[in-house]
Amino acid sequence: MEDAAFIADNGILLAVGPWKDLRKDWTGSITDLQERVVLPGLVNPHVHLEYTDMLGELPSQQGFTNWVDQMVQLKRSWEPVQYQRSWLKGLEQQIPCGTTTLADTLSHHALLGCMAKPPKGPRLKILLEWIHTQDAPLPSSSMDRMQQTLTLADHWSEGLAGSSPHAPYTTTPSLWEALGKLPQSPRSEERRVGKECRVRCRSRWSPDH
């Protein structure tokens, strides 16, 4: 839109249109952006930044099971510094694309201890990926470790960290029960939604279904 304008109040857009139309009734302050282009901030709701450097490392023409096996082998072969470098590269790639908010599903939780705080960039929400294939109650040591990891992720996400159980075939009712018992962050909507989903979806893992 050429010669356009927008009206904003406390970060909320109230109107967008040609300047000649909006100026008629506007009595507030005006900021001339000159020849700049204004774009809306993009939101990436599901990304795995730690896998950025894995692009092209696995054959594209293969079955799902073979792909998973090779992915697991590749992940096990990586050193912590490779995950850190790959994660940082993925974050940097978001900025020139106009991404202002992203939710990163993180499986390599040790990354959270590699840096005191992520570098400046898009607003970041860490979703910790959980995998549990043996349907047995999680020991207290595992529960303590999960809580410590969530607390660290909250520090990275400005109190907006959450949990992201992997998939029906890599999670169990015991995992959902454990996540439901973890102390809830008052600022973390994702955890509240996750708990509701655990209740609604429980029948999917029931022996009777």
N, C-alpha and C. Protein backbone atom coordinates (compact mmCIF):
# COMPACT_ATOMS: atom_id res chain seq x y z
N MET A 1 0.85 -1.18 0.00
CA MET A 1 0.00 0.00 0.00
C MET A 1 0.90 1.25 0.00
N GLU A 2 0.78 2.06 -1.00
CA GLU A 2 1.60 3.25 -1.11
C GLU A 2 1.03 4.39 -0.26
N ASP A 3 1.97 5.18 0.27
CA ASP A 3 1.60 6.34 1.09
C ASP A 3 0.57 5.94 2.14
N ALA A 4 0.89 4.85 2.85
CA ALA A 4 -0.04 4.32 3.84
C ALA A 4 0.28 4.84 5.24
N ALA A 5 -0.62 4.58 6.15
CA ALA A 5 -0.43 4.98 7.53
C ALA A 5 -1.16 3.98 8.43
N PHE A 6 -0.78 3.99 9.69
CA PHE A 6 -1.51 3.17 10.66
C PHE A 6 -1.59 3.93 11.97
N ILE A 7 -2.62 3.65 12.71
CA ILE A 7 -2.83 4.25 14.03
C ILE A 7 -2.65 3.16 15.07
N ALA A 8 -1.80 3.42 16.06
CA ALA A 8 -1.52 2.44 17.10
C ALA A 8 -1.67 3.07 18.47
N ASP A 9 -2.12 2.26 19.42
CA ASP A 9 -2.27 2.71 20.79
C ASP A 9 -1.71 1.63 21.71
N ASN A 10 -0.60 1.96 22.38
CA ASN A 10 0.05 1.00 23.29
C ASN A 10 0.38 -0.32 22.58
N GLY A 11 0.88 -0.22 21.35
CA GLY A 11 1.28 -1.42 20.63
C GLY A 11 0.17 -2.14 19.92
N ILE A 12 -1.05 -1.63 19.97
CA ILE A 12 -2.20 -2.28 19.32
C ILE A 12 -2.62 -1.45 18.11
N LEU A 13 -2.68 -2.10 16.94
CA LEU A 13 -3.12 -1.40 15.74
C LEU A 13 -4.61 -1.13 15.78
N LEU A 14 -4.98 0.11 15.58
CA LEU A 14 -6.39 0.50 15.57
C LEU A 14 -6.94 0.69 14.16
N ALA A 15 -6.05 1.09 13.25
CA ALA A 15 -6.51 1.34 11.88
C ALA A 15 -5.31 1.33 10.94
N VAL A 16 -5.56 0.88 9.71
CA VAL A 16 -4.56 0.86 8.65
C VAL A 16 -5.23 1.32 7.37
N GLY A 17 -4.58 2.20 6.62
CA GLY A 17 -5.19 2.67 5.38
C GLY A 17 -4.37 3.76 4.73
N PRO A 18 -4.85 4.32 3.63
CA PRO A 18 -4.14 5.43 2.97
C PRO A 18 -4.02 6.63 3.91
N TRP A 19 -2.88 7.29 3.88
CA TRP A 19 -2.64 8.43 4.75
C TRP A 19 -3.66 9.54 4.53
N LYS A 20 -4.07 9.74 3.28
CA LYS A 20 -5.01 10.82 2.98
C LYS A 20 -6.36 10.60 3.65
N ASP A 21 -6.69 9.33 3.94
CA ASP A 21 -7.96 9.05 4.61
C ASP A 21 -7.83 9.13 6.13
N LEU A 22 -6.74 8.57 6.67
CA LEU A 22 -6.59 8.52 8.12
C LEU A 22 -6.27 9.89 8.71
N ARG A 23 -5.64 10.78 7.95
CA ARG A 23 -5.23 12.07 8.48
C ARG A 23 -6.40 13.00 8.74
N LYS A 24 -7.54 12.72 8.11
CA LYS A 24 -8.69 13.64 8.20
C LYS A 24 -9.15 13.85 9.64
N ASP A 25 -9.23 12.74 10.40
CA ASP A 25 -9.77 12.84 11.76
C ASP A 25 -8.71 12.63 12.84
N TRP A 26 -7.42 12.56 12.44
CA TRP A 26 -6.38 12.27 13.42
C TRP A 26 -5.83 13.55 14.03
N THR A 27 -5.80 13.59 15.35
CA THR A 27 -5.31 14.79 16.05
C THR A 27 -4.11 14.48 16.93
N GLY A 28 -3.65 13.24 16.94
CA GLY A 28 -2.53 12.86 17.79
C GLY A 28 -1.18 13.13 17.12
N SER A 29 -0.12 12.63 17.75
CA SER A 29 1.22 12.83 17.21
C SER A 29 1.43 11.97 15.97
N ILE A 30 2.39 12.39 15.14
CA ILE A 30 2.66 11.71 13.88
C ILE A 30 4.15 11.39 13.78
N THR A 31 4.46 10.18 13.40
CA THR A 31 5.84 9.77 13.15
C THR A 31 5.98 9.39 11.68
N ASP A 32 6.82 10.11 10.96
CA ASP A 32 7.01 9.85 9.54
C ASP A 32 8.10 8.79 9.36
N LEU A 33 7.73 7.63 8.85
CA LEU A 33 8.68 6.54 8.62
C LEU A 33 9.37 6.65 7.27
N GLN A 34 9.08 7.69 6.54
CA GLN A 34 9.69 7.98 5.24
C GLN A 34 9.53 6.80 4.28
N GLU A 35 10.63 6.26 3.76
CA GLU A 35 10.52 5.22 2.74
C GLU A 35 10.56 3.80 3.31
N ARG A 36 10.42 3.66 4.60
CA ARG A 36 10.50 2.33 5.22
C ARG A 36 9.27 1.50 4.89
N VAL A 37 9.45 0.19 4.88
CA VAL A 37 8.36 -0.76 4.69
C VAL A 37 8.00 -1.36 6.04
N VAL A 38 6.73 -1.34 6.39
CA VAL A 38 6.26 -1.88 7.66
C VAL A 38 5.60 -3.24 7.42
N LEU A 39 6.08 -4.24 8.12
CA LEU A 39 5.54 -5.59 7.99
C LEU A 39 5.04 -6.07 9.34
N PRO A 40 4.01 -6.92 9.36
CA PRO A 40 3.57 -7.49 10.64
C PRO A 40 4.60 -8.50 11.14
N GLY A 41 4.75 -8.61 12.44
CA GLY A 41 5.67 -9.59 13.00
C GLY A 41 5.11 -10.99 12.80
N LEU A 42 5.95 -11.90 12.34
CA LEU A 42 5.53 -13.27 12.08
C LEU A 42 5.72 -14.12 13.34
N VAL A 43 4.85 -15.11 13.52
CA VAL A 43 4.92 -16.02 14.66
C VAL A 43 5.20 -17.43 14.14
N ASN A 44 6.26 -18.04 14.62
CA ASN A 44 6.60 -19.42 14.28
C ASN A 44 6.23 -20.29 15.48
N PRO A 45 5.09 -21.00 15.44
CA PRO A 45 4.60 -21.71 16.62
C PRO A 45 5.23 -23.07 16.85
N HIS A 46 6.03 -23.56 15.90
CA HIS A 46 6.64 -24.89 16.09
C HIS A 46 7.94 -24.95 15.31
N VAL A 47 9.05 -24.97 16.06
CA VAL A 47 10.36 -25.02 15.42
C VAL A 47 11.30 -25.84 16.31
N HIS A 48 12.30 -26.48 15.69
CA HIS A 48 13.35 -27.21 16.42
C HIS A 48 14.68 -26.56 16.06
N LEU A 49 15.02 -25.49 16.76
CA LEU A 49 16.23 -24.74 16.42
C LEU A 49 17.49 -25.58 16.51
N GLU A 50 17.52 -26.52 17.43
CA GLU A 50 18.74 -27.32 17.63
C GLU A 50 19.06 -28.22 16.44
N TYR A 51 18.07 -28.44 15.55
CA TYR A 51 18.28 -29.31 14.39
C TYR A 51 18.65 -28.53 13.13
N THR A 52 18.90 -27.25 13.24
CA THR A 52 19.14 -26.41 12.06
C THR A 52 20.25 -26.98 11.18
N ASP A 53 21.37 -27.35 11.78
CA ASP A 53 22.52 -27.83 11.00
C ASP A 53 22.34 -29.27 10.53
N MET A 54 21.23 -29.91 10.87
CA MET A 54 20.96 -31.26 10.38
C MET A 54 20.31 -31.25 9.00
N LEU A 55 19.98 -30.06 8.53
CA LEU A 55 19.37 -29.93 7.22
C LEU A 55 20.26 -30.55 6.14
N GLY A 56 19.72 -31.49 5.39
CA GLY A 56 20.46 -32.14 4.31
C GLY A 56 21.33 -33.30 4.75
N GLU A 57 21.35 -33.59 6.06
CA GLU A 57 22.20 -34.67 6.56
C GLU A 57 21.55 -36.05 6.40
N LEU A 58 20.24 -36.11 6.24
CA LEU A 58 19.54 -37.38 6.13
C LEU A 58 18.94 -37.53 4.74
N PRO A 59 18.94 -38.74 4.17
CA PRO A 59 18.32 -38.96 2.86
C PRO A 59 16.84 -38.61 2.89
N SER A 60 16.36 -37.98 1.85
CA SER A 60 14.96 -37.56 1.81
C SER A 60 14.02 -38.67 1.38
N GLN A 61 14.50 -39.60 0.57
CA GLN A 61 13.65 -40.68 0.06
C GLN A 61 13.82 -41.92 0.92
N GLN A 62 13.03 -42.02 1.96
CA GLN A 62 13.08 -43.19 2.84
C GLN A 62 11.80 -43.24 3.64
N GLY A 63 11.52 -44.42 4.20
CA GLY A 63 10.32 -44.58 5.02
C GLY A 63 10.47 -43.88 6.35
N PHE A 64 9.34 -43.67 7.02
CA PHE A 64 9.34 -42.94 8.28
C PHE A 64 10.18 -43.64 9.34
N THR A 65 10.05 -44.96 9.46
CA THR A 65 10.79 -45.70 10.48
C THR A 65 12.30 -45.58 10.26
N ASN A 66 12.73 -45.72 9.01
CA ASN A 66 14.15 -45.58 8.70
C ASN A 66 14.64 -44.16 8.99
N TRP A 67 13.80 -43.19 8.67
CA TRP A 67 14.17 -41.80 8.94
C TRP A 67 14.36 -41.57 10.44
N VAL A 68 13.44 -42.10 11.25
CA VAL A 68 13.54 -41.93 12.70
C VAL A 68 14.82 -42.59 13.22
N ASP A 69 15.11 -43.80 12.75
CA ASP A 69 16.32 -44.50 13.20
C ASP A 69 17.58 -43.69 12.88
N GLN A 70 17.66 -43.15 11.68
CA GLN A 70 18.84 -42.39 11.29
C GLN A 70 18.91 -41.06 12.04
N MET A 71 17.74 -40.48 12.31
CA MET A 71 17.70 -39.23 13.07
C MET A 71 18.24 -39.46 14.49
N VAL A 72 17.82 -40.56 15.10
CA VAL A 72 18.29 -40.89 16.46
C VAL A 72 19.80 -41.10 16.46
N GLN A 73 20.31 -41.80 15.47
CA GLN A 73 21.75 -42.04 15.39
C GLN A 73 22.53 -40.74 15.20
N LEU A 74 21.98 -39.85 14.37
CA LEU A 74 22.65 -38.57 14.14
C LEU A 74 22.67 -37.74 15.42
N LYS A 75 21.56 -37.73 16.14
CA LYS A 75 21.48 -36.96 17.38
C LYS A 75 22.50 -37.48 18.40
N ARG A 76 22.64 -38.81 18.47
CA ARG A 76 23.57 -39.39 19.45
C ARG A 76 25.02 -39.11 19.09
N SER A 77 25.28 -38.85 17.82
CA SER A 77 26.66 -38.61 17.38
C SER A 77 27.10 -37.17 17.62
N TRP A 78 26.16 -36.28 17.88
CA TRP A 78 26.50 -34.87 18.05
C TRP A 78 27.04 -34.58 19.43
N GLU A 79 27.99 -33.64 19.49
CA GLU A 79 28.52 -33.14 20.75
C GLU A 79 27.69 -31.94 21.20
N PRO A 80 27.71 -31.63 22.51
CA PRO A 80 26.93 -30.48 23.00
C PRO A 80 27.21 -29.18 22.25
N VAL A 81 28.47 -28.96 21.87
CA VAL A 81 28.80 -27.71 21.17
C VAL A 81 28.12 -27.65 19.81
N GLN A 82 27.89 -28.80 19.18
CA GLN A 82 27.20 -28.81 17.88
C GLN A 82 25.74 -28.40 18.05
N TYR A 83 25.10 -28.88 19.11
CA TYR A 83 23.71 -28.48 19.38
C TYR A 83 23.63 -26.99 19.66
N GLN A 84 24.57 -26.48 20.43
CA GLN A 84 24.56 -25.06 20.77
C GLN A 84 24.75 -24.20 19.51
N ARG A 85 25.72 -24.57 18.67
CA ARG A 85 25.99 -23.81 17.45
C ARG A 85 24.79 -23.87 16.51
N SER A 86 24.17 -25.04 16.40
CA SER A 86 23.03 -25.22 15.52
C SER A 86 21.83 -24.41 16.02
N TRP A 87 21.63 -24.40 17.34
CA TRP A 87 20.51 -23.65 17.93
C TRP A 87 20.67 -22.16 17.68
N LEU A 88 21.87 -21.65 17.91
CA LEU A 88 22.12 -20.23 17.70
C LEU A 88 21.94 -19.84 16.23
N LYS A 89 22.38 -20.71 15.34
CA LYS A 89 22.23 -20.43 13.91
C LYS A 89 20.75 -20.38 13.54
N GLY A 90 19.96 -21.31 14.07
CA GLY A 90 18.53 -21.31 13.79
C GLY A 90 17.84 -20.06 14.30
N LEU A 91 18.25 -19.58 15.48
CA LEU A 91 17.67 -18.36 16.03
C LEU A 91 18.02 -17.16 15.15
N GLU A 92 19.25 -17.09 14.72
CA GLU A 92 19.68 -15.98 13.87
C GLU A 92 18.93 -15.96 12.54
N GLN A 93 18.56 -17.13 12.03
CA GLN A 93 17.84 -17.21 10.76
C GLN A 93 16.43 -16.66 10.87
N GLN A 94 15.89 -16.62 12.07
CA GLN A 94 14.51 -16.14 12.24
C GLN A 94 14.42 -14.63 12.08
N ILE A 95 15.49 -13.92 12.47
CA ILE A 95 15.43 -12.46 12.54
C ILE A 95 15.22 -11.81 11.18
N PRO A 96 16.04 -12.12 10.14
CA PRO A 96 15.82 -11.46 8.84
C PRO A 96 14.53 -11.88 8.16
N CYS A 97 13.91 -12.96 8.64
CA CYS A 97 12.64 -13.42 8.05
C CYS A 97 11.44 -12.67 8.62
N GLY A 98 11.67 -11.79 9.59
CA GLY A 98 10.57 -11.04 10.17
C GLY A 98 9.86 -11.76 11.29
N THR A 99 10.44 -12.85 11.80
CA THR A 99 9.83 -13.58 12.92
C THR A 99 10.09 -12.84 14.22
N THR A 100 9.05 -12.49 14.92
CA THR A 100 9.19 -11.75 16.17
C THR A 100 8.87 -12.61 17.39
N THR A 101 8.19 -13.73 17.18
CA THR A 101 7.85 -14.64 18.28
C THR A 101 7.97 -16.07 17.78
N LEU A 102 8.58 -16.93 18.57
CA LEU A 102 8.66 -18.33 18.16
C LEU A 102 8.60 -19.25 19.38
N ALA A 103 8.05 -20.44 19.14
CA ALA A 103 7.98 -21.49 20.16
C ALA A 103 8.93 -22.60 19.74
N ASP A 104 9.98 -22.77 20.51
CA ASP A 104 11.01 -23.75 20.18
C ASP A 104 10.80 -25.02 20.98
N THR A 105 10.52 -26.13 20.30
CA THR A 105 10.38 -27.43 20.95
C THR A 105 11.78 -28.01 21.13
N LEU A 106 12.23 -28.07 22.37
CA LEU A 106 13.62 -28.40 22.68
C LEU A 106 13.71 -29.82 23.25
N SER A 107 14.48 -30.67 22.57
CA SER A 107 14.68 -32.03 23.07
C SER A 107 16.01 -32.19 23.79
N HIS A 108 17.02 -31.41 23.38
CA HIS A 108 18.34 -31.47 24.02
C HIS A 108 18.35 -30.48 25.17
N HIS A 109 17.80 -30.89 26.31
CA HIS A 109 17.58 -29.98 27.43
C HIS A 109 18.87 -29.41 27.99
N ALA A 110 20.00 -30.10 27.78
CA ALA A 110 21.28 -29.62 28.30
C ALA A 110 21.66 -28.26 27.71
N LEU A 111 21.06 -27.90 26.59
CA LEU A 111 21.34 -26.59 25.99
C LEU A 111 21.04 -25.45 26.95
N LEU A 112 20.04 -25.65 27.80
CA LEU A 112 19.63 -24.59 28.70
C LEU A 112 20.73 -24.22 29.68
N GLY A 113 21.65 -25.15 29.92
CA GLY A 113 22.73 -24.86 30.83
C GLY A 113 23.99 -24.36 30.15
N CYS A 114 23.98 -24.31 28.82
CA CYS A 114 25.17 -23.89 28.07
C CYS A 114 25.33 -22.39 28.02
N MET A 115 24.21 -21.67 28.11
CA MET A 115 24.26 -20.21 28.03
C MET A 115 23.41 -19.64 29.15
N ALA A 116 23.89 -18.56 29.75
CA ALA A 116 23.14 -17.95 30.84
C ALA A 116 21.79 -17.42 30.36
N LYS A 117 21.74 -16.94 29.14
CA LYS A 117 20.53 -16.36 28.58
C LYS A 117 20.67 -16.36 27.06
N PRO A 118 19.62 -16.63 26.33
CA PRO A 118 19.73 -16.59 24.87
C PRO A 118 20.03 -15.18 24.39
N PRO A 119 20.68 -15.04 23.23
CA PRO A 119 20.98 -13.71 22.70
C PRO A 119 19.71 -12.97 22.34
N LYS A 120 19.83 -11.67 22.14
CA LYS A 120 18.68 -10.86 21.77
C LYS A 120 18.14 -11.31 20.42
N GLY A 121 16.84 -11.30 20.29
CA GLY A 121 16.20 -11.73 19.06
C GLY A 121 14.71 -11.82 19.25
N PRO A 122 14.05 -12.73 18.55
CA PRO A 122 12.59 -12.88 18.68
C PRO A 122 12.19 -13.24 20.10
N ARG A 123 10.96 -12.91 20.44
CA ARG A 123 10.42 -13.35 21.72
C ARG A 123 10.37 -14.87 21.71
N LEU A 124 10.91 -15.49 22.74
CA LEU A 124 11.15 -16.93 22.73
C LEU A 124 10.32 -17.63 23.79
N LYS A 125 9.68 -18.71 23.36
CA LYS A 125 8.95 -19.59 24.28
C LYS A 125 9.55 -20.99 24.14
N ILE A 126 10.12 -21.50 25.22
CA ILE A 126 10.72 -22.84 25.20
C ILE A 126 9.66 -23.87 25.59
N LEU A 127 9.47 -24.87 24.73
CA LEU A 127 8.60 -26.00 25.03
C LEU A 127 9.48 -27.24 25.16
N LEU A 128 9.59 -27.77 26.34
CA LEU A 128 10.46 -28.91 26.59
C LEU A 128 9.81 -30.19 26.08
N GLU A 129 10.54 -30.88 25.20
CA GLU A 129 10.02 -32.13 24.64
C GLU A 129 10.28 -33.26 25.64
N TRP A 130 9.23 -34.04 25.90
CA TRP A 130 9.34 -35.17 26.83
C TRP A 130 9.02 -36.46 26.10
N ILE A 131 9.83 -37.49 26.35
CA ILE A 131 9.60 -38.83 25.78
C ILE A 131 9.64 -39.85 26.91
N HIS A 132 8.65 -40.73 26.94
CA HIS A 132 8.59 -41.76 27.98
C HIS A 132 7.85 -42.96 27.39
N THR A 133 8.54 -44.07 27.22
CA THR A 133 7.95 -45.23 26.53
C THR A 133 7.59 -46.37 27.46
N GLN A 134 8.09 -46.37 28.69
CA GLN A 134 7.76 -47.42 29.66
C GLN A 134 6.68 -46.90 30.60
N ASP A 135 5.48 -47.49 30.52
CA ASP A 135 4.37 -46.98 31.31
C ASP A 135 4.50 -47.43 32.76
N ALA A 136 5.37 -46.74 33.48
CA ALA A 136 5.57 -46.97 34.90
C ALA A 136 5.72 -45.62 35.57
N PRO A 137 5.31 -45.50 36.81
CA PRO A 137 5.41 -44.20 37.49
C PRO A 137 6.84 -43.67 37.47
N LEU A 138 6.96 -42.38 37.24
CA LEU A 138 8.29 -41.77 37.21
C LEU A 138 8.81 -41.62 38.63
N PRO A 139 10.08 -41.98 38.88
CA PRO A 139 10.64 -41.83 40.23
C PRO A 139 10.77 -40.36 40.62
N SER A 140 10.91 -40.13 41.92
CA SER A 140 10.99 -38.75 42.41
C SER A 140 12.20 -38.02 41.84
N SER A 141 13.29 -38.76 41.57
CA SER A 141 14.47 -38.11 40.99
C SER A 141 14.17 -37.54 39.60
N SER A 142 13.36 -38.28 38.82
CA SER A 142 12.98 -37.79 37.49
C SER A 142 12.06 -36.58 37.61
N MET A 143 11.15 -36.62 38.58
CA MET A 143 10.24 -35.50 38.78
C MET A 143 11.03 -34.25 39.17
N ASP A 144 12.02 -34.42 40.06
CA ASP A 144 12.83 -33.27 40.48
C ASP A 144 13.60 -32.70 39.30
N ARG A 145 14.14 -33.58 38.46
CA ARG A 145 14.91 -33.12 37.30
C ARG A 145 14.00 -32.40 36.31
N MET A 146 12.78 -32.89 36.11
CA MET A 146 11.84 -32.23 35.21
C MET A 146 11.50 -30.83 35.72
N GLN A 147 11.28 -30.72 37.04
CA GLN A 147 10.94 -29.41 37.60
C GLN A 147 12.10 -28.45 37.48
N GLN A 148 13.32 -28.90 37.72
CA GLN A 148 14.49 -28.05 37.60
C GLN A 148 14.66 -27.57 36.16
N THR A 149 14.40 -28.47 35.21
CA THR A 149 14.54 -28.09 33.81
C THR A 149 13.48 -27.07 33.41
N LEU A 150 12.25 -27.25 33.88
CA LEU A 150 11.19 -26.29 33.59
C LEU A 150 11.50 -24.92 34.20
N THR A 151 12.06 -24.92 35.39
CA THR A 151 12.41 -23.65 36.03
C THR A 151 13.47 -22.92 35.21
N LEU A 152 14.45 -23.65 34.72
CA LEU A 152 15.50 -23.05 33.89
C LEU A 152 14.91 -22.55 32.57
N ALA A 153 13.99 -23.33 31.99
CA ALA A 153 13.35 -22.91 30.74
C ALA A 153 12.50 -21.66 30.95
N ASP A 154 11.88 -21.53 32.13
CA ASP A 154 11.13 -20.32 32.45
C ASP A 154 12.05 -19.10 32.43
N HIS A 155 13.25 -19.27 32.92
CA HIS A 155 14.23 -18.18 32.94
C HIS A 155 14.56 -17.73 31.53
N TRP A 156 14.59 -18.67 30.61
CA TRP A 156 14.87 -18.37 29.21
C TRP A 156 13.67 -17.74 28.52
N SER A 157 12.48 -18.08 28.98
CA SER A 157 11.25 -17.72 28.26
C SER A 157 10.44 -16.64 28.95
N GLU A 158 11.05 -15.92 29.87
CA GLU A 158 10.36 -14.86 30.60
C GLU A 158 9.10 -15.40 31.28
N GLY A 159 9.23 -16.58 31.88
CA GLY A 159 8.10 -17.19 32.57
C GLY A 159 7.09 -17.85 31.67
N LEU A 160 7.42 -18.04 30.39
CA LEU A 160 6.45 -18.59 29.44
C LEU A 160 6.84 -19.98 28.94
N ALA A 161 7.67 -20.69 29.67
CA ALA A 161 8.05 -22.03 29.24
C ALA A 161 6.89 -23.00 29.40
N GLY A 162 6.96 -24.13 28.69
CA GLY A 162 5.91 -25.13 28.78
C GLY A 162 6.45 -26.50 28.45
N SER A 163 5.56 -27.46 28.40
CA SER A 163 5.93 -28.83 28.10
C SER A 163 5.34 -29.24 26.76
N SER A 164 6.07 -30.12 26.07
CA SER A 164 5.63 -30.61 24.76
C SER A 164 5.87 -32.11 24.67
N PRO A 165 4.97 -32.91 25.27
CA PRO A 165 5.10 -34.37 25.11
C PRO A 165 5.17 -34.72 23.63
N HIS A 166 6.07 -35.65 23.28
CA HIS A 166 6.46 -35.83 21.89
C HIS A 166 5.34 -36.28 20.98
N ALA A 167 4.81 -37.48 21.18
CA ALA A 167 3.77 -38.03 20.30
C ALA A 167 3.10 -39.20 21.03
N PRO A 168 1.90 -39.62 20.57
CA PRO A 168 1.23 -40.73 21.25
C PRO A 168 2.08 -41.99 21.36
N TYR A 169 2.95 -42.24 20.37
CA TYR A 169 3.74 -43.46 20.40
C TYR A 169 5.02 -43.33 21.22
N THR A 170 5.32 -42.15 21.75
CA THR A 170 6.49 -41.98 22.59
C THR A 170 6.13 -41.35 23.94
N THR A 171 4.87 -41.37 24.31
CA THR A 171 4.44 -40.91 25.62
C THR A 171 3.52 -41.94 26.24
N THR A 172 3.32 -41.84 27.52
CA THR A 172 2.50 -42.81 28.26
C THR A 172 1.60 -42.06 29.23
N PRO A 173 0.56 -42.73 29.73
CA PRO A 173 -0.28 -42.10 30.76
C PRO A 173 0.53 -41.67 31.98
N SER A 174 1.59 -42.43 32.30
CA SER A 174 2.42 -42.08 33.46
C SER A 174 3.10 -40.73 33.25
N LEU A 175 3.54 -40.47 32.03
CA LEU A 175 4.18 -39.18 31.75
C LEU A 175 3.18 -38.05 31.91
N TRP A 176 1.98 -38.23 31.37
CA TRP A 176 0.96 -37.19 31.49
C TRP A 176 0.62 -36.93 32.95
N GLU A 177 0.54 -38.00 33.74
CA GLU A 177 0.25 -37.84 35.16
C GLU A 177 1.36 -37.06 35.85
N ALA A 178 2.61 -37.37 35.49
CA ALA A 178 3.75 -36.68 36.09
C ALA A 178 3.74 -35.20 35.74
N LEU A 179 3.46 -34.88 34.48
CA LEU A 179 3.42 -33.48 34.07
C LEU A 179 2.32 -32.72 34.80
N GLY A 180 1.21 -33.42 35.04
CA GLY A 180 0.10 -32.77 35.74
C GLY A 180 0.41 -32.47 37.19
N LYS A 181 1.38 -33.15 37.76
CA LYS A 181 1.74 -32.94 39.18
C LYS A 181 2.80 -31.87 39.37
N LEU A 182 3.45 -31.46 38.29
CA LEU A 182 4.49 -30.44 38.42
C LEU A 182 3.88 -29.11 38.82
N PRO A 183 4.54 -28.35 39.69
CA PRO A 183 4.05 -27.01 40.05
C PRO A 183 3.85 -26.17 38.80
N GLN A 184 2.74 -25.45 38.76
CA GLN A 184 2.40 -24.68 37.58
C GLN A 184 2.88 -23.25 37.72
N SER A 185 3.47 -22.73 36.64
CA SER A 185 3.86 -21.33 36.60
C SER A 185 2.62 -20.49 36.31
N PRO A 186 2.33 -19.46 37.10
CA PRO A 186 1.12 -18.66 36.87
C PRO A 186 1.12 -17.95 35.52
N ARG A 187 2.31 -17.81 34.88
CA ARG A 187 2.39 -17.11 33.60
C ARG A 187 2.41 -18.07 32.42
N SER A 188 2.35 -19.37 32.71
CA SER A 188 2.51 -20.33 31.62
C SER A 188 1.18 -20.93 31.21
N GLU A 189 0.56 -20.34 30.21
CA GLU A 189 -0.70 -20.83 29.68
C GLU A 189 -0.53 -22.20 29.07
N GLU A 190 0.64 -22.47 28.48
CA GLU A 190 0.88 -23.74 27.80
C GLU A 190 0.73 -24.90 28.76
N ARG A 191 1.20 -24.74 29.99
CA ARG A 191 1.11 -25.84 30.94
C ARG A 191 -0.34 -26.09 31.32
N ARG A 192 -1.14 -25.01 31.46
CA ARG A 192 -2.55 -25.20 31.79
C ARG A 192 -3.26 -25.94 30.68
N VAL A 193 -3.00 -25.54 29.43
CA VAL A 193 -3.61 -26.20 28.29
C VAL A 193 -3.18 -27.66 28.22
N GLY A 194 -1.89 -27.90 28.51
CA GLY A 194 -1.38 -29.27 28.49
C GLY A 194 -2.09 -30.14 29.50
N LYS A 195 -2.39 -29.60 30.67
CA LYS A 195 -3.08 -30.38 31.69
C LYS A 195 -4.50 -30.70 31.26
N GLU A 196 -5.18 -29.73 30.63
CA GLU A 196 -6.52 -29.98 30.14
C GLU A 196 -6.51 -31.04 29.05
N CYS A 197 -5.49 -30.98 28.15
CA CYS A 197 -5.39 -31.96 27.09
C CYS A 197 -5.16 -33.35 27.67
N ARG A 198 -4.38 -33.43 28.76
CA ARG A 198 -4.12 -34.71 29.39
C ARG A 198 -5.42 -35.36 29.84
N VAL A 199 -6.33 -34.54 30.38
CA VAL A 199 -7.61 -35.07 30.84
C VAL A 199 -8.48 -35.49 29.68
N ARG A 200 -8.55 -34.65 28.63
CA ARG A 200 -9.42 -34.92 27.49
C ARG A 200 -8.92 -36.11 26.67
N CYS A 201 -7.59 -36.25 26.59
CA CYS A 201 -7.03 -37.24 25.68
C CYS A 201 -6.66 -38.55 26.37
N ARG A 202 -6.98 -38.69 27.65
CA ARG A 202 -6.54 -39.87 28.38
C ARG A 202 -7.04 -41.16 27.73
N SER A 203 -8.25 -41.12 27.16
CA SER A 203 -8.81 -42.33 26.57
C SER A 203 -7.98 -42.85 25.41
N ARG A 204 -7.18 -42.00 24.79
CA ARG A 204 -6.36 -42.44 23.66
C ARG A 204 -5.31 -43.46 24.08
N TRP A 205 -4.92 -43.44 25.38
CA TRP A 205 -3.91 -44.38 25.87
C TRP A 205 -4.52 -45.47 26.75
N SER A 206 -5.83 -45.45 26.86
CA SER A 206 -6.49 -46.42 27.72
C SER A 206 -6.45 -47.81 27.09
N PRO A 207 -6.24 -48.88 27.87
CA PRO A 207 -6.23 -50.23 27.33
C PRO A 207 -7.55 -50.62 26.68
N ASP A 208 -8.61 -49.91 27.01
CA ASP A 208 -9.95 -50.24 26.47
C ASP A 208 -10.20 -49.57 25.15
N HIS A 209 -9.23 -48.77 24.62
CA HIS A 209 -9.44 -48.05 23.36
C HIS A 209 -8.33 -48.39 22.38
